[in-house]
Amino acid sequence: MTLRPWHFLALAVFLLTLISFIWLFQEEKTTPGLGSIPFIFWSSFVVTLFVVLATFLGSKIFPHKETRKS
């Protein structure tokens, strides 16, 4: 069993979090707006969607199986 997809997902979430807090979530950053929605709101919404998707995919390819209780 290879752990490559699992490591890729973990690295992607880690990098997404790091980049978000260093570059995306800065004070007073409101442009570019999406209609009347400020940058910080719609960018954090997109980041949250990616993290939720990665969590769902990670739950499907988790490398360890639960043992059945008898």
N, C-alpha and C. Protein backbone atom coordinates (compact mmCIF):
# COMPACT_ATOMS: atom_id res chain seq x y z
N MET A 1 0.85 -1.18 0.00
CA MET A 1 0.00 0.00 0.00
C MET A 1 0.89 1.24 0.00
N THR A 2 0.62 2.15 -0.90
CA THR A 2 1.40 3.38 -0.98
C THR A 2 0.69 4.49 -0.23
N LEU A 3 1.47 5.34 0.38
CA LEU A 3 0.91 6.46 1.14
C LEU A 3 1.02 7.77 0.38
N ARG A 4 1.39 7.71 -0.88
CA ARG A 4 1.61 8.93 -1.65
C ARG A 4 0.39 9.86 -1.67
N PRO A 5 -0.83 9.39 -1.97
CA PRO A 5 -1.98 10.32 -1.97
C PRO A 5 -2.23 10.92 -0.58
N TRP A 6 -2.03 10.10 0.45
CA TRP A 6 -2.23 10.61 1.81
C TRP A 6 -1.22 11.71 2.13
N HIS A 7 0.03 11.50 1.77
CA HIS A 7 1.06 12.52 2.02
C HIS A 7 0.79 13.77 1.20
N PHE A 8 0.34 13.60 -0.04
CA PHE A 8 0.02 14.75 -0.89
C PHE A 8 -1.10 15.59 -0.27
N LEU A 9 -2.15 14.95 0.23
CA LEU A 9 -3.26 15.69 0.84
C LEU A 9 -2.81 16.41 2.11
N ALA A 10 -2.03 15.73 2.93
CA ALA A 10 -1.55 16.37 4.17
C ALA A 10 -0.66 17.56 3.85
N LEU A 11 0.22 17.42 2.87
CA LEU A 11 1.09 18.53 2.48
C LEU A 11 0.29 19.68 1.87
N ALA A 12 -0.72 19.35 1.07
CA ALA A 12 -1.55 20.38 0.45
C ALA A 12 -2.30 21.19 1.50
N VAL A 13 -2.87 20.53 2.50
CA VAL A 13 -3.59 21.25 3.56
C VAL A 13 -2.62 22.09 4.37
N PHE A 14 -1.45 21.55 4.67
CA PHE A 14 -0.45 22.31 5.42
C PHE A 14 -0.02 23.56 4.66
N LEU A 15 0.30 23.40 3.38
CA LEU A 15 0.72 24.55 2.57
C LEU A 15 -0.41 25.56 2.38
N LEU A 16 -1.63 25.08 2.20
CA LEU A 16 -2.78 25.97 2.05
C LEU A 16 -2.98 26.80 3.32
N THR A 17 -2.84 26.17 4.46
CA THR A 17 -2.97 26.88 5.72
C THR A 17 -1.85 27.91 5.89
N LEU A 18 -0.64 27.51 5.61
CA LEU A 18 0.51 28.40 5.75
C LEU A 18 0.39 29.60 4.82
N ILE A 19 0.08 29.35 3.56
CA ILE A 19 -0.06 30.44 2.58
C ILE A 19 -1.23 31.35 2.95
N SER A 20 -2.31 30.77 3.44
CA SER A 20 -3.48 31.57 3.80
C SER A 20 -3.15 32.56 4.91
N PHE A 21 -2.49 32.10 5.95
CA PHE A 21 -2.23 32.99 7.08
C PHE A 21 -1.09 33.96 6.82
N ILE A 22 -0.19 33.63 5.90
CA ILE A 22 0.91 34.55 5.58
C ILE A 22 0.49 35.57 4.54
N TRP A 23 -0.22 35.12 3.48
CA TRP A 23 -0.48 36.00 2.37
C TRP A 23 -1.94 36.44 2.24
N LEU A 24 -2.88 35.53 2.39
CA LEU A 24 -4.28 35.87 2.13
C LEU A 24 -4.93 36.69 3.23
N PHE A 25 -4.78 36.25 4.47
CA PHE A 25 -5.53 36.85 5.57
C PHE A 25 -4.76 38.00 6.21
N GLN A 26 -4.58 39.07 5.46
CA GLN A 26 -3.90 40.26 5.96
C GLN A 26 -4.93 41.31 6.35
N GLU A 27 -4.56 42.13 7.32
CA GLU A 27 -5.47 43.21 7.73
C GLU A 27 -5.63 44.23 6.62
N GLU A 28 -6.80 44.82 6.57
CA GLU A 28 -7.10 45.90 5.62
C GLU A 28 -7.05 45.46 4.16
N LYS A 29 -7.07 44.16 3.87
CA LYS A 29 -7.03 43.70 2.48
C LYS A 29 -8.47 43.43 2.03
N THR A 30 -9.04 44.34 1.29
CA THR A 30 -10.43 44.21 0.85
C THR A 30 -10.57 44.07 -0.66
N THR A 31 -9.51 44.32 -1.41
CA THR A 31 -9.59 44.21 -2.86
C THR A 31 -8.76 43.01 -3.30
N PRO A 32 -9.06 42.31 -4.31
CA PRO A 32 -10.19 42.50 -5.21
C PRO A 32 -11.48 41.98 -4.59
N GLY A 33 -12.53 42.69 -4.79
CA GLY A 33 -13.82 42.27 -4.29
C GLY A 33 -14.54 41.40 -5.30
N LEU A 34 -15.46 40.62 -4.82
CA LEU A 34 -16.29 39.79 -5.69
C LEU A 34 -17.70 40.34 -5.56
N GLY A 35 -18.03 41.29 -6.43
CA GLY A 35 -19.28 42.03 -6.28
C GLY A 35 -19.13 42.96 -5.08
N SER A 36 -20.03 42.83 -4.12
CA SER A 36 -19.91 43.65 -2.91
C SER A 36 -19.27 42.88 -1.75
N ILE A 37 -18.78 41.66 -2.04
CA ILE A 37 -18.18 40.84 -0.99
C ILE A 37 -16.69 41.12 -0.91
N PRO A 38 -16.17 41.48 0.27
CA PRO A 38 -14.75 41.79 0.40
C PRO A 38 -13.86 40.55 0.18
N PHE A 39 -12.62 40.81 -0.15
CA PHE A 39 -11.63 39.77 -0.46
C PHE A 39 -11.48 38.77 0.67
N ILE A 40 -11.38 39.23 1.89
CA ILE A 40 -11.11 38.34 3.02
C ILE A 40 -12.23 37.31 3.20
N PHE A 41 -13.47 37.71 2.91
CA PHE A 41 -14.58 36.78 3.08
C PHE A 41 -14.59 35.71 2.00
N TRP A 42 -14.55 36.10 0.73
CA TRP A 42 -14.66 35.10 -0.31
C TRP A 42 -13.41 34.25 -0.42
N SER A 43 -12.23 34.80 -0.11
CA SER A 43 -11.02 33.98 -0.17
C SER A 43 -11.00 32.96 0.97
N SER A 44 -11.45 33.35 2.16
CA SER A 44 -11.49 32.40 3.27
C SER A 44 -12.55 31.33 3.02
N PHE A 45 -13.63 31.68 2.35
CA PHE A 45 -14.65 30.70 2.00
C PHE A 45 -14.09 29.66 1.03
N VAL A 46 -13.33 30.09 0.03
CA VAL A 46 -12.72 29.18 -0.93
C VAL A 46 -11.69 28.28 -0.25
N VAL A 47 -10.87 28.84 0.63
CA VAL A 47 -9.89 28.05 1.37
C VAL A 47 -10.59 27.00 2.22
N THR A 48 -11.68 27.38 2.88
CA THR A 48 -12.44 26.43 3.70
C THR A 48 -13.01 25.31 2.85
N LEU A 49 -13.51 25.63 1.67
CA LEU A 49 -14.02 24.58 0.77
C LEU A 49 -12.92 23.59 0.39
N PHE A 50 -11.72 24.09 0.09
CA PHE A 50 -10.61 23.21 -0.25
C PHE A 50 -10.22 22.31 0.92
N VAL A 51 -10.20 22.86 2.13
CA VAL A 51 -9.84 22.06 3.31
C VAL A 51 -10.91 21.00 3.58
N VAL A 52 -12.17 21.35 3.43
CA VAL A 52 -13.25 20.37 3.63
C VAL A 52 -13.16 19.27 2.58
N LEU A 53 -12.90 19.62 1.33
CA LEU A 53 -12.75 18.64 0.27
C LEU A 53 -11.55 17.72 0.55
N ALA A 54 -10.44 18.29 0.98
CA ALA A 54 -9.26 17.48 1.29
C ALA A 54 -9.53 16.56 2.48
N THR A 55 -10.29 17.03 3.45
CA THR A 55 -10.65 16.18 4.60
C THR A 55 -11.53 15.02 4.16
N PHE A 56 -12.48 15.29 3.29
CA PHE A 56 -13.34 14.23 2.77
C PHE A 56 -12.52 13.20 2.00
N LEU A 57 -11.66 13.67 1.10
CA LEU A 57 -10.82 12.75 0.34
C LEU A 57 -9.88 11.97 1.25
N GLY A 58 -9.35 12.64 2.26
CA GLY A 58 -8.46 11.96 3.21
C GLY A 58 -9.18 10.88 3.99
N SER A 59 -10.46 11.10 4.29
CA SER A 59 -11.21 10.07 5.01
C SER A 59 -11.45 8.84 4.14
N LYS A 60 -11.48 9.03 2.83
CA LYS A 60 -11.69 7.91 1.91
C LYS A 60 -10.40 7.13 1.64
N ILE A 61 -9.24 7.78 1.72
CA ILE A 61 -7.99 7.09 1.40
C ILE A 61 -7.08 6.96 2.61
N PHE A 62 -7.63 7.10 3.81
CA PHE A 62 -6.81 6.99 5.02
C PHE A 62 -6.08 5.65 5.02
N PRO A 63 -4.76 5.65 5.30
CA PRO A 63 -3.98 4.43 5.13
C PRO A 63 -4.25 3.33 6.17
N HIS A 64 -4.87 3.64 7.28
CA HIS A 64 -5.10 2.64 8.32
C HIS A 64 -6.57 2.28 8.38
N LYS A 65 -6.88 1.03 8.41
CA LYS A 65 -8.25 0.56 8.49
C LYS A 65 -8.61 0.33 9.95
N GLU A 66 -9.86 0.60 10.29
CA GLU A 66 -10.32 0.33 11.66
C GLU A 66 -10.53 -1.17 11.82
N THR A 67 -10.21 -1.67 13.01
CA THR A 67 -10.42 -3.09 13.27
C THR A 67 -11.86 -3.31 13.67
N ARG A 68 -12.41 -4.43 13.23
CA ARG A 68 -13.79 -4.76 13.59
C ARG A 68 -13.82 -5.37 14.98
N LYS A 69 -14.75 -4.92 15.78
CA LYS A 69 -14.91 -5.49 17.11
C LYS A 69 -15.83 -6.70 17.02
N SER A 70 -15.45 -7.77 17.70
CA SER A 70 -16.27 -8.98 17.60
C SER A 70 -17.24 -9.12 18.74
